[in-house]
Protein backbone atom coordinates (compact mmCIF):
# COMPACT_ATOMS: atom_id res chain seq x y z
CA MET A 1 56.38 -109.39 82.31
CA LEU A 2 56.46 -107.03 79.33
CA SER A 3 56.93 -109.94 76.95
CA ALA A 4 53.88 -111.72 78.42
CA LEU A 5 51.82 -108.53 78.10
CA ASN A 6 52.91 -108.15 74.48
CA ARG A 7 51.90 -111.73 73.76
CA LEU A 8 48.52 -111.10 75.35
CA LEU A 9 47.96 -107.94 73.31
CA CYS A 10 48.98 -109.71 70.12
CA GLY A 11 46.54 -112.50 70.92
CA VAL A 12 43.71 -110.02 71.45
CA LEU A 13 44.50 -108.20 68.20
CA LEU A 14 44.63 -111.46 66.25
CA ALA A 15 41.29 -112.52 67.71
CA LEU A 16 39.71 -109.16 66.79
CA ALA A 17 41.11 -109.43 63.26
CA ALA A 18 39.75 -112.96 62.90
CA ASN A 19 36.31 -111.85 64.07
CA ALA A 20 36.36 -108.96 61.61
CA CYS A 21 37.22 -111.30 58.73
CA ALA A 22 34.52 -113.73 59.81
CA ALA A 23 31.86 -111.00 59.91
CA GLU A 24 29.32 -111.57 57.21
CA ALA A 25 29.71 -109.30 54.20
CA PRO A 26 26.62 -107.25 53.28
CA LEU A 27 24.43 -108.64 50.52
CA ARG A 28 25.31 -107.33 47.07
CA ILE A 29 22.96 -107.76 44.13
CA VAL A 30 24.51 -107.50 40.67
CA THR A 31 23.05 -107.61 37.20
CA GLU A 32 23.54 -106.23 33.70
CA GLU A 33 21.63 -104.09 31.23
CA LEU A 34 19.46 -106.74 29.57
CA PRO A 35 16.13 -105.13 28.69
CA PRO A 36 13.32 -105.90 29.28
CA TYR A 37 14.57 -108.18 32.09
CA ASN A 38 16.93 -105.73 33.82
CA MET A 39 17.52 -102.17 32.73
CA THR A 40 18.12 -98.70 34.12
CA GLU A 41 15.41 -96.10 33.51
CA ASN A 42 15.60 -92.61 35.03
CA GLY A 43 18.38 -93.73 37.35
CA ARG A 44 16.45 -96.75 38.67
CA VAL A 45 16.92 -100.43 37.88
CA THR A 46 13.68 -101.99 36.64
CA GLY A 47 12.50 -104.78 34.34
CA MET A 48 10.74 -108.14 34.59
CA SER A 49 13.50 -109.99 36.43
CA THR A 50 14.22 -107.00 38.64
CA GLU A 51 10.62 -106.86 39.82
CA VAL A 52 10.75 -110.57 40.67
CA VAL A 53 13.97 -110.08 42.67
CA GLU A 54 12.44 -107.10 44.48
CA ALA A 55 9.33 -109.15 45.29
CA VAL A 56 11.50 -111.90 46.79
CA LEU A 57 13.44 -109.34 48.84
CA LYS A 58 10.15 -108.00 50.20
CA GLU A 59 8.93 -111.53 50.94
CA VAL A 60 12.04 -112.42 52.97
CA GLY A 61 12.20 -109.01 54.69
CA MET A 62 15.56 -107.95 53.30
CA ASP A 63 16.76 -104.84 51.52
CA ALA A 64 19.83 -104.39 49.32
CA PRO A 65 20.74 -102.10 46.41
CA ILE A 66 20.95 -103.51 42.89
CA HIS A 67 24.15 -102.70 40.99
CA PRO A 68 23.99 -102.84 37.17
CA MET A 69 27.35 -103.36 35.47
CA PRO A 70 28.90 -105.09 32.46
CA TRP A 71 28.07 -108.79 32.56
CA ALA A 72 31.71 -109.97 32.71
CA ARG A 73 32.27 -107.90 35.87
CA ALA A 74 29.04 -109.06 37.53
CA TYR A 75 29.87 -112.67 36.68
CA GLU A 76 33.39 -112.34 38.10
CA LEU A 77 32.07 -110.88 41.38
CA ALA A 78 29.54 -113.69 41.75
CA LEU A 79 32.23 -116.27 41.05
CA ASN A 80 34.73 -115.00 43.60
CA GLU A 81 33.10 -112.89 46.32
CA SER A 82 30.87 -113.76 49.26
CA ASN A 83 27.21 -112.79 49.66
CA VAL A 84 26.67 -111.85 46.01
CA LEU A 85 23.33 -112.42 44.29
CA ILE A 86 23.43 -112.36 40.48
CA TYR A 87 20.50 -112.27 38.03
CA SER A 88 19.34 -112.81 35.20
CA ILE A 89 21.64 -115.80 34.66
CA VAL A 90 21.09 -118.91 32.56
CA ARG A 91 21.66 -122.20 34.38
CA THR A 92 23.88 -124.50 32.34
CA PRO A 93 25.79 -127.72 33.13
CA THR A 94 29.07 -125.77 32.96
CA ARG A 95 27.83 -123.22 35.52
CA GLU A 96 26.01 -125.71 37.77
CA SER A 97 28.76 -126.11 40.38
CA LEU A 98 29.92 -122.49 40.24
CA PHE A 99 26.91 -120.98 41.99
CA GLN A 100 24.17 -121.72 44.52
CA TRP A 101 21.00 -121.62 42.45
CA VAL A 102 17.82 -120.05 43.80
CA GLY A 103 15.46 -120.70 40.88
CA ALA A 104 14.05 -119.46 37.60
CA ILE A 105 12.71 -115.91 37.61
CA ALA A 106 11.81 -115.28 33.94
CA PRO A 107 11.13 -117.24 30.74
CA THR A 108 13.64 -117.11 27.91
CA GLN A 109 14.14 -118.36 24.36
CA TRP A 110 17.45 -118.09 22.51
CA TYR A 111 18.07 -117.82 18.78
CA ILE A 112 20.75 -117.00 16.29
CA TYR A 113 19.34 -114.13 14.24
CA SER A 114 20.08 -112.67 10.82
CA LEU A 115 18.51 -109.73 9.00
CA ALA A 116 15.59 -110.15 6.62
CA ASP A 117 17.46 -108.26 3.90
CA ARG A 118 20.56 -110.44 4.43
CA PRO A 119 19.11 -113.77 5.60
CA VAL A 120 21.41 -116.62 6.60
CA LYS A 121 19.96 -120.13 6.40
CA LEU A 122 21.20 -122.44 9.17
CA ASN A 123 20.13 -126.08 9.37
CA SER A 124 22.37 -126.72 12.36
CA LEU A 125 24.84 -124.90 14.59
CA ALA A 126 27.67 -126.31 12.49
CA ASP A 127 26.40 -124.23 9.56
CA ALA A 128 27.20 -121.05 11.54
CA HIS A 129 30.94 -121.72 11.32
CA GLY A 130 32.59 -119.34 8.90
CA HIS A 131 30.13 -116.53 9.69
CA GLN A 132 30.75 -113.49 11.88
CA ILE A 133 28.51 -113.68 14.99
CA ALA A 134 27.82 -110.89 17.49
CA THR A 135 28.12 -111.96 21.15
CA VAL A 136 28.36 -110.36 24.61
CA ASN A 137 31.50 -110.85 26.68
CA GLN A 138 31.13 -113.85 29.02
CA ASP A 139 27.36 -114.12 28.61
CA VAL A 140 25.78 -117.53 28.16
CA GLY A 141 25.43 -117.18 24.39
CA GLU A 142 29.13 -116.54 23.96
CA GLN A 143 30.08 -119.28 26.43
CA TYR A 144 27.83 -121.72 24.59
CA LEU A 145 29.34 -120.97 21.20
CA VAL A 146 32.89 -121.17 22.58
CA SER A 147 32.04 -124.60 24.02
CA LYS A 148 30.97 -125.63 20.51
CA GLY A 149 34.31 -124.66 18.97
CA PHE A 150 33.70 -121.05 17.89
CA ARG A 151 36.58 -118.64 18.53
CA ILE A 152 36.35 -115.12 19.98
CA GLY A 153 37.96 -112.60 17.65
CA GLU A 154 37.62 -114.91 14.67
CA GLU A 155 33.99 -115.97 14.28
CA LEU A 156 32.72 -114.35 17.49
CA GLN A 157 32.75 -110.56 17.74
CA SER A 158 32.33 -109.79 21.44
CA SER A 159 30.73 -106.63 22.89
CA THR A 160 30.12 -105.32 26.39
CA LYS A 161 26.51 -104.27 25.69
CA TYR A 162 23.64 -106.01 23.94
CA GLU A 163 22.61 -102.94 21.96
CA HIS A 164 26.06 -102.85 20.33
CA ASN A 165 25.35 -106.20 18.72
CA TYR A 166 22.10 -105.11 17.10
CA ARG A 167 23.96 -102.16 15.60
CA LYS A 168 26.75 -104.45 14.36
CA LEU A 169 24.15 -106.58 12.58
CA LYS A 170 22.47 -103.53 11.05
CA VAL A 171 25.65 -102.02 9.64
CA ASP A 172 26.91 -105.36 8.30
CA HIS A 173 29.83 -105.76 10.71
CA VAL A 174 28.45 -109.23 11.48
CA GLU A 175 26.15 -111.63 9.67
CA LEU A 176 24.58 -113.28 12.72
CA TRP A 177 23.55 -112.32 16.25
CA ILE A 178 23.03 -114.74 19.15
CA SER A 179 20.42 -113.30 21.49
CA ASN A 180 17.66 -113.86 23.97
CA GLU A 181 14.38 -113.38 22.10
CA LEU A 182 12.76 -110.74 24.33
CA ASN A 183 15.97 -108.71 24.33
CA ALA A 184 16.22 -108.91 20.53
CA LEU A 185 12.61 -107.81 20.09
CA TYR A 186 13.02 -104.98 22.61
CA LEU A 187 16.19 -103.58 21.03
CA THR A 188 14.70 -103.77 17.53
CA ARG A 189 11.61 -101.85 18.62
CA GLN A 190 13.76 -99.31 20.47
CA ASN A 191 15.38 -98.59 17.12
CA GLY A 192 11.96 -97.85 15.62
CA GLU A 193 11.72 -101.07 13.63
CA ASP A 194 9.30 -103.98 13.50
CA PRO A 195 11.15 -107.18 14.48
CA ASP A 196 8.71 -109.29 12.44
CA LYS A 197 9.89 -107.43 9.34
CA VAL A 198 13.62 -107.05 9.96
CA LEU A 199 14.74 -110.11 11.97
CA ILE A 200 15.03 -113.73 10.87
CA ARG A 201 15.28 -116.55 13.43
CA SER A 202 18.01 -118.45 11.62
CA LEU A 203 18.40 -121.11 14.31
CA ALA A 204 16.64 -121.94 17.59
CA LEU A 205 18.88 -122.84 20.54
CA PRO A 206 16.86 -125.11 22.86
CA ASP A 207 19.94 -125.90 24.97
CA LEU A 208 19.84 -122.32 26.30
CA SER A 209 16.08 -121.98 26.58
CA SER A 210 14.85 -124.78 28.83
CA GLU A 211 15.79 -123.42 32.26
CA GLY A 212 14.77 -119.79 31.84
CA LEU A 213 16.66 -116.96 33.51
CA ASN A 214 17.66 -117.52 37.13
CA MET A 215 18.91 -115.84 40.24
CA ALA A 216 21.91 -117.43 41.93
CA PHE A 217 24.25 -116.78 44.84
CA SER A 218 28.02 -116.95 44.96
CA ARG A 219 29.45 -120.13 46.46
CA ASN A 220 30.73 -118.23 49.52
CA THR A 221 27.24 -117.24 50.64
CA PRO A 222 25.69 -118.81 53.76
CA VAL A 223 23.36 -121.67 52.89
CA GLU A 224 20.76 -120.13 55.22
CA THR A 225 20.59 -117.06 52.99
CA VAL A 226 20.17 -119.16 49.86
CA GLU A 227 17.41 -121.24 51.43
CA LYS A 228 15.61 -118.10 52.58
CA PHE A 229 15.56 -116.78 49.01
CA ARG A 230 14.43 -120.13 47.62
CA ALA A 231 11.52 -120.09 50.04
CA GLY A 232 10.75 -116.47 49.13
CA LEU A 233 10.69 -117.24 45.41
CA GLU A 234 8.43 -120.24 46.00
CA ALA A 235 6.11 -118.05 48.11
CA ILE A 236 5.61 -115.42 45.39
CA ARG A 237 4.96 -118.20 42.89
CA ARG A 238 2.23 -119.60 45.14
CA ASN A 239 0.57 -116.28 45.97
CA GLY A 240 0.33 -115.05 42.36
CA VAL A 241 2.82 -112.19 42.58
CA TYR A 242 5.24 -113.87 40.15
CA ASP A 243 2.57 -114.53 37.51
CA ALA A 244 1.32 -110.94 37.76
CA ILE A 245 4.84 -109.58 37.12
CA VAL A 246 5.41 -111.82 34.11
CA ARG A 247 2.03 -110.92 32.58
CA LYS A 248 2.85 -107.24 32.97
CA TRP A 249 6.04 -107.53 30.89
CA LEU A 250 5.14 -110.11 28.25
């Protein structure tokens, strides 16, 4: 009798544990400090992409805090955890199957930059070999260059923050800087300088620029959630909210 009761209790406990594991994790939204797209000001996350994400949240009637963190950590969470929304992320063939993509939330153009007082002429990406290039750990610029045969710690000098790379370029620790255009212009102006006078677009990178910046969900997120956000993004594109946000920041 006691043995049967124990088996019954064990069965109940196992069922409760299974239900607890199956319970849907709360939505987590992660991003990085990438001004003017996502950035923390006075303790609050703001920026062009952030406002688009917030508008979609409002459209679908959901609320969730946004957690800024180093890109490598945000990327790792979105790769491996459930119910994680990551932005602003570039959609590439390598990343295509790793996430559930919602859609583009901001325009972007990518370049390899040099300084006007130390210009580097590049006719192709191959010409960048042999130069020291500032990158950000695990961001799309670094991943792109690695896929083209550049090596971290040799030609690629990786940082955790975008502003570190502008400083590296200024103090001659590197010769080149791979960057999103709006971020490069923002950081240059934040340092009290005119980007038209100090920065040279040594090489355009159309491979990174066509899709814009996106929001995407981790693979272990319910499809219903992803579809809801896709519909929300489409709705704010139709009703003019998206265009108003972009005009405000550009």
